[in-house]
Amino acid sequence: MNGPNRPLMIVAGVLAVLGAAALTVVALTPDDGPVPPPAPTGTHIVTAGAVGARFARTGDCLVNEGSEADPVLRLVSCAPGAYAVLARFEGVTDADRVCAQVAGYEYNYSYDSPLDTELDFVLCLRPV
């Protein structure tokens, strides 16, 4: 093909090769950077605290990677420094009331969902 379109075909071929190479580099580059926090939704900011706690069941253990005022709970193996989940109550947020009936609890965590009370829960905890 030696016609007037030959230079155009060469440029298109080179661009295709460069594009494929760039996609390969991007696909093979590890993403070791931090994951950005979830974006605010309306007036409620979704915190990571409820993410680990949401899946916690009786007998699981959690660590608080946040503060006492703004806890960020993460599921971990039970070891010193963690908090064991003694009980979990669904559809409630009154942690003091529901945990009062749990023997040995020292701390509690409650999650009040902005979406629905069926997503609310309380965890009754004690240090490991």
C-alpha atoms as a PDB file:
ATOM      1  CA  MET A   1       0.000   0.000   0.000  1.00  0.00           C
ATOM      2  CA  ASN A   2       1.901   2.998  -1.289  1.00  0.00           C
ATOM      3  CA  GLY A   3      -1.011   5.366  -1.778  1.00  0.00           C
ATOM      4  CA  PRO A   4      -1.767   8.682  -0.097  1.00  0.00           C
ATOM      5  CA  ASN A   5      -3.135   6.893   3.017  1.00  0.00           C
ATOM      6  CA  ARG A   6       0.163   5.126   3.849  1.00  0.00           C
ATOM      7  CA  PRO A   7       1.469   7.845   6.261  1.00  0.00           C
ATOM      8  CA  LEU A   8      -1.925   7.903   7.995  1.00  0.00           C
ATOM      9  CA  MET A   9      -1.876   4.107   8.389  1.00  0.00           C
ATOM     10  CA  ILE A  10       1.658   4.244   9.859  1.00  0.00           C
ATOM     11  CA  VAL A  11       0.619   6.908  12.407  1.00  0.00           C
ATOM     12  CA  ALA A  12      -2.485   4.897  13.362  1.00  0.00           C
ATOM     13  CA  GLY A  13      -0.373   1.754  13.808  1.00  0.00           C
ATOM     14  CA  VAL A  14       2.194   3.544  15.991  1.00  0.00           C
ATOM     15  CA  LEU A  15      -0.577   5.066  18.149  1.00  0.00           C
ATOM     16  CA  ALA A  16      -2.199   1.654  18.578  1.00  0.00           C
ATOM     17  CA  VAL A  17       1.098   0.117  19.716  1.00  0.00           C
ATOM     18  CA  LEU A  18       1.768   3.000  22.139  1.00  0.00           C
ATOM     19  CA  GLY A  19      -1.761   2.779  23.542  1.00  0.00           C
ATOM     20  CA  ALA A  20      -1.439  -0.967  24.103  1.00  0.00           C
ATOM     21  CA  ALA A  21       1.927  -0.456  25.818  1.00  0.00           C
ATOM     22  CA  ALA A  22       0.473   2.237  28.104  1.00  0.00           C
ATOM     23  CA  LEU A  23      -2.443  -0.018  29.081  1.00  0.00           C
ATOM     24  CA  THR A  24      -0.014  -2.831  29.865  1.00  0.00           C
ATOM     25  CA  VAL A  25       2.070  -0.579  32.121  1.00  0.00           C
ATOM     26  CA  VAL A  26      -1.033   0.663  33.962  1.00  0.00           C
ATOM     27  CA  ALA A  27      -2.398  -2.864  34.380  1.00  0.00           C
ATOM     28  CA  LEU A  28       0.898  -4.190  35.759  1.00  0.00           C
ATOM     29  CA  THR A  29       1.591  -1.296  38.140  1.00  0.00           C
ATOM     30  CA  PRO A  30       0.786  -2.330  41.746  1.00  0.00           C
ATOM     31  CA  ASP A  31      -1.587  -0.075  43.662  1.00  0.00           C
ATOM     32  CA  ASP A  32       0.015   0.190  47.100  1.00  0.00           C
ATOM     33  CA  GLY A  33      -1.441   3.593  47.837  1.00  0.00           C
ATOM     34  CA  PRO A  34      -4.030   4.185  50.548  1.00  0.00           C
ATOM     35  CA  VAL A  35      -7.672   3.730  49.709  1.00  0.00           C
ATOM     36  CA  PRO A  36      -9.483   7.071  49.904  1.00  0.00           C
ATOM     37  CA  PRO A  37     -12.239   7.337  52.499  1.00  0.00           C
ATOM     38  CA  PRO A  38     -15.827   6.951  51.316  1.00  0.00           C
ATOM     39  CA  ALA A  39     -17.389  10.145  49.999  1.00  0.00           C
ATOM     40  CA  PRO A  40     -20.071  11.926  51.988  1.00  0.00           C
ATOM     41  CA  THR A  41     -23.636  11.023  51.059  1.00  0.00           C
ATOM     42  CA  GLY A  42     -26.072  13.801  51.828  1.00  0.00           C
ATOM     43  CA  THR A  43     -25.608  15.025  55.387  1.00  0.00           C
ATOM     44  CA  HIS A  44     -24.339  11.676  56.630  1.00  0.00           C
ATOM     45  CA  ILE A  45     -20.698  10.678  56.219  1.00  0.00           C
ATOM     46  CA  VAL A  46     -20.257   6.917  55.921  1.00  0.00           C
ATOM     47  CA  THR A  47     -17.423   5.967  58.253  1.00  0.00           C
ATOM     48  CA  ALA A  48     -15.192   2.938  57.995  1.00  0.00           C
ATOM     49  CA  GLY A  49     -16.096   2.172  61.625  1.00  0.00           C
ATOM     50  CA  ALA A  50     -19.297   0.442  60.687  1.00  0.00           C
ATOM     51  CA  VAL A  51     -17.678  -1.574  57.906  1.00  0.00           C
ATOM     52  CA  GLY A  52     -15.635  -3.938  60.120  1.00  0.00           C
ATOM     53  CA  ALA A  53     -18.221  -3.877  62.868  1.00  0.00           C
ATOM     54  CA  ARG A  54     -21.046  -4.617  60.424  1.00  0.00           C
ATOM     55  CA  PHE A  55     -19.722  -8.137  59.867  1.00  0.00           C
ATOM     56  CA  ALA A  56     -18.745  -8.859  63.487  1.00  0.00           C
ATOM     57  CA  ARG A  57     -20.579 -11.684  65.219  1.00  0.00           C
ATOM     58  CA  THR A  58     -20.483 -13.060  68.753  1.00  0.00           C
ATOM     59  CA  GLY A  59     -17.038 -14.533  69.344  1.00  0.00           C
ATOM     60  CA  ASP A  60     -15.271 -12.309  66.790  1.00  0.00           C
ATOM     61  CA  CYS A  61     -12.656  -9.741  67.773  1.00  0.00           C
ATOM     62  CA  LEU A  62     -12.150  -6.142  66.695  1.00  0.00           C
ATOM     63  CA  VAL A  63      -9.537  -3.434  67.099  1.00  0.00           C
ATOM     64  CA  ASN A  64     -10.288   0.259  67.147  1.00  0.00           C
ATOM     65  CA  GLU A  65      -8.073   2.083  64.662  1.00  0.00           C
ATOM     66  CA  GLY A  66      -9.901   5.354  65.281  1.00  0.00           C
ATOM     67  CA  SER A  67     -10.552   7.228  68.490  1.00  0.00           C
ATOM     68  CA  GLU A  68     -13.007   6.668  71.301  1.00  0.00           C
ATOM     69  CA  ALA A  69     -15.167   9.494  69.943  1.00  0.00           C
ATOM     70  CA  ASP A  70     -14.909   8.307  66.314  1.00  0.00           C
ATOM     71  CA  PRO A  71     -14.169   4.562  66.341  1.00  0.00           C
ATOM     72  CA  VAL A  72     -12.957   2.749  63.235  1.00  0.00           C
ATOM     73  CA  LEU A  73     -13.340  -0.952  63.949  1.00  0.00           C
ATOM     74  CA  ARG A  74     -11.570  -3.716  62.039  1.00  0.00           C
ATOM     75  CA  LEU A  75     -12.054  -7.482  62.377  1.00  0.00           C
ATOM     76  CA  VAL A  76      -8.900  -9.242  63.633  1.00  0.00           C
ATOM     77  CA  SER A  77      -7.804 -12.495  65.238  1.00  0.00           C
ATOM     78  CA  CYS A  78      -8.495 -12.545  68.959  1.00  0.00           C
ATOM     79  CA  ALA A  79      -5.350 -11.441  70.783  1.00  0.00           C
ATOM     80  CA  PRO A  80      -4.419  -8.986  73.533  1.00  0.00           C
ATOM     81  CA  GLY A  81      -5.305  -5.451  72.504  1.00  0.00           C
ATOM     82  CA  ALA A  82      -8.476  -6.540  70.708  1.00  0.00           C
ATOM     83  CA  TYR A  83     -12.084  -6.436  71.879  1.00  0.00           C
ATOM     84  CA  ALA A  84     -14.149  -9.624  71.900  1.00  0.00           C
ATOM     85  CA  VAL A  85     -17.765  -9.397  70.777  1.00  0.00           C
ATOM     86  CA  LEU A  86     -19.889 -10.852  73.583  1.00  0.00           C
ATOM     87  CA  ALA A  87     -23.254 -10.146  71.947  1.00  0.00           C
ATOM     88  CA  ARG A  88     -24.776  -8.516  68.886  1.00  0.00           C
ATOM     89  CA  PHE A  89     -28.254  -6.949  68.776  1.00  0.00           C
ATOM     90  CA  GLU A  90     -29.934  -6.061  65.478  1.00  0.00           C
ATOM     91  CA  GLY A  91     -32.346  -3.186  64.842  1.00  0.00           C
ATOM     92  CA  VAL A  92     -31.448  -1.211  67.981  1.00  0.00           C
ATOM     93  CA  THR A  93     -29.072   1.607  68.924  1.00  0.00           C
ATOM     94  CA  ASP A  94     -29.599   1.883  72.715  1.00  0.00           C
ATOM     95  CA  ALA A  95     -26.318   0.156  73.584  1.00  0.00           C
ATOM     96  CA  ASP A  96     -26.422   0.885  77.313  1.00  0.00           C
ATOM     97  CA  ARG A  97     -29.852  -0.715  77.671  1.00  0.00           C
ATOM     98  CA  VAL A  98     -29.239  -3.867  75.613  1.00  0.00           C
ATOM     99  CA  CYS A  99     -25.684  -4.501  76.823  1.00  0.00           C
ATOM    100  CA  ALA A 100     -26.757  -4.177  80.476  1.00  0.00           C
ATOM    101  CA  GLN A 101     -28.097  -7.743  80.198  1.00  0.00           C
ATOM    102  CA  VAL A 102     -24.746  -9.119  78.887  1.00  0.00           C
ATOM    103  CA  ALA A 103     -22.459 -10.478  81.604  1.00  0.00           C
ATOM    104  CA  GLY A 104     -18.869  -9.224  81.468  1.00  0.00           C
ATOM    105  CA  TYR A 105     -19.309  -6.457  78.916  1.00  0.00           C
ATOM    106  CA  GLU A 106     -17.210  -3.326  79.435  1.00  0.00           C
ATOM    107  CA  TYR A 107     -17.615  -1.439  76.162  1.00  0.00           C
ATOM    108  CA  ASN A 108     -20.260  -1.110  73.510  1.00  0.00           C
ATOM    109  CA  TYR A 109     -20.511   0.044  69.933  1.00  0.00           C
ATOM    110  CA  SER A 110     -23.702   1.136  68.224  1.00  0.00           C
ATOM    111  CA  TYR A 111     -24.356   1.898  64.582  1.00  0.00           C
ATOM    112  CA  ASP A 112     -27.337   4.054  63.651  1.00  0.00           C
ATOM    113  CA  SER A 113     -27.936   3.667  59.914  1.00  0.00           C
ATOM    114  CA  PRO A 114     -29.248   6.712  58.088  1.00  0.00           C
ATOM    115  CA  LEU A 115     -31.073   4.371  55.702  1.00  0.00           C
ATOM    116  CA  ASP A 116     -33.209   2.083  57.843  1.00  0.00           C
ATOM    117  CA  THR A 117     -33.549   0.959  61.453  1.00  0.00           C
ATOM    118  CA  GLU A 118     -33.219  -2.647  60.252  1.00  0.00           C
ATOM    119  CA  LEU A 119     -29.548  -1.847  59.556  1.00  0.00           C
ATOM    120  CA  ASP A 120     -28.929  -0.517  63.086  1.00  0.00           C
ATOM    121  CA  PHE A 121     -26.976  -2.719  65.475  1.00  0.00           C
ATOM    122  CA  VAL A 122     -25.192  -2.808  68.821  1.00  0.00           C
ATOM    123  CA  LEU A 123     -22.081  -4.769  69.799  1.00  0.00           C
ATOM    124  CA  CYS A 124     -21.308  -5.525  73.454  1.00  0.00           C
ATOM    125  CA  LEU A 125     -17.539  -5.866  73.917  1.00  0.00           C
ATOM    126  CA  ARG A 126     -14.836  -6.709  76.426  1.00  0.00           C
ATOM    127  CA  PRO A 127     -11.051  -6.483  76.125  1.00  0.00           C
ATOM    128  CA  VAL A 128      -9.274  -9.721  75.224  1.00  0.00           C
END
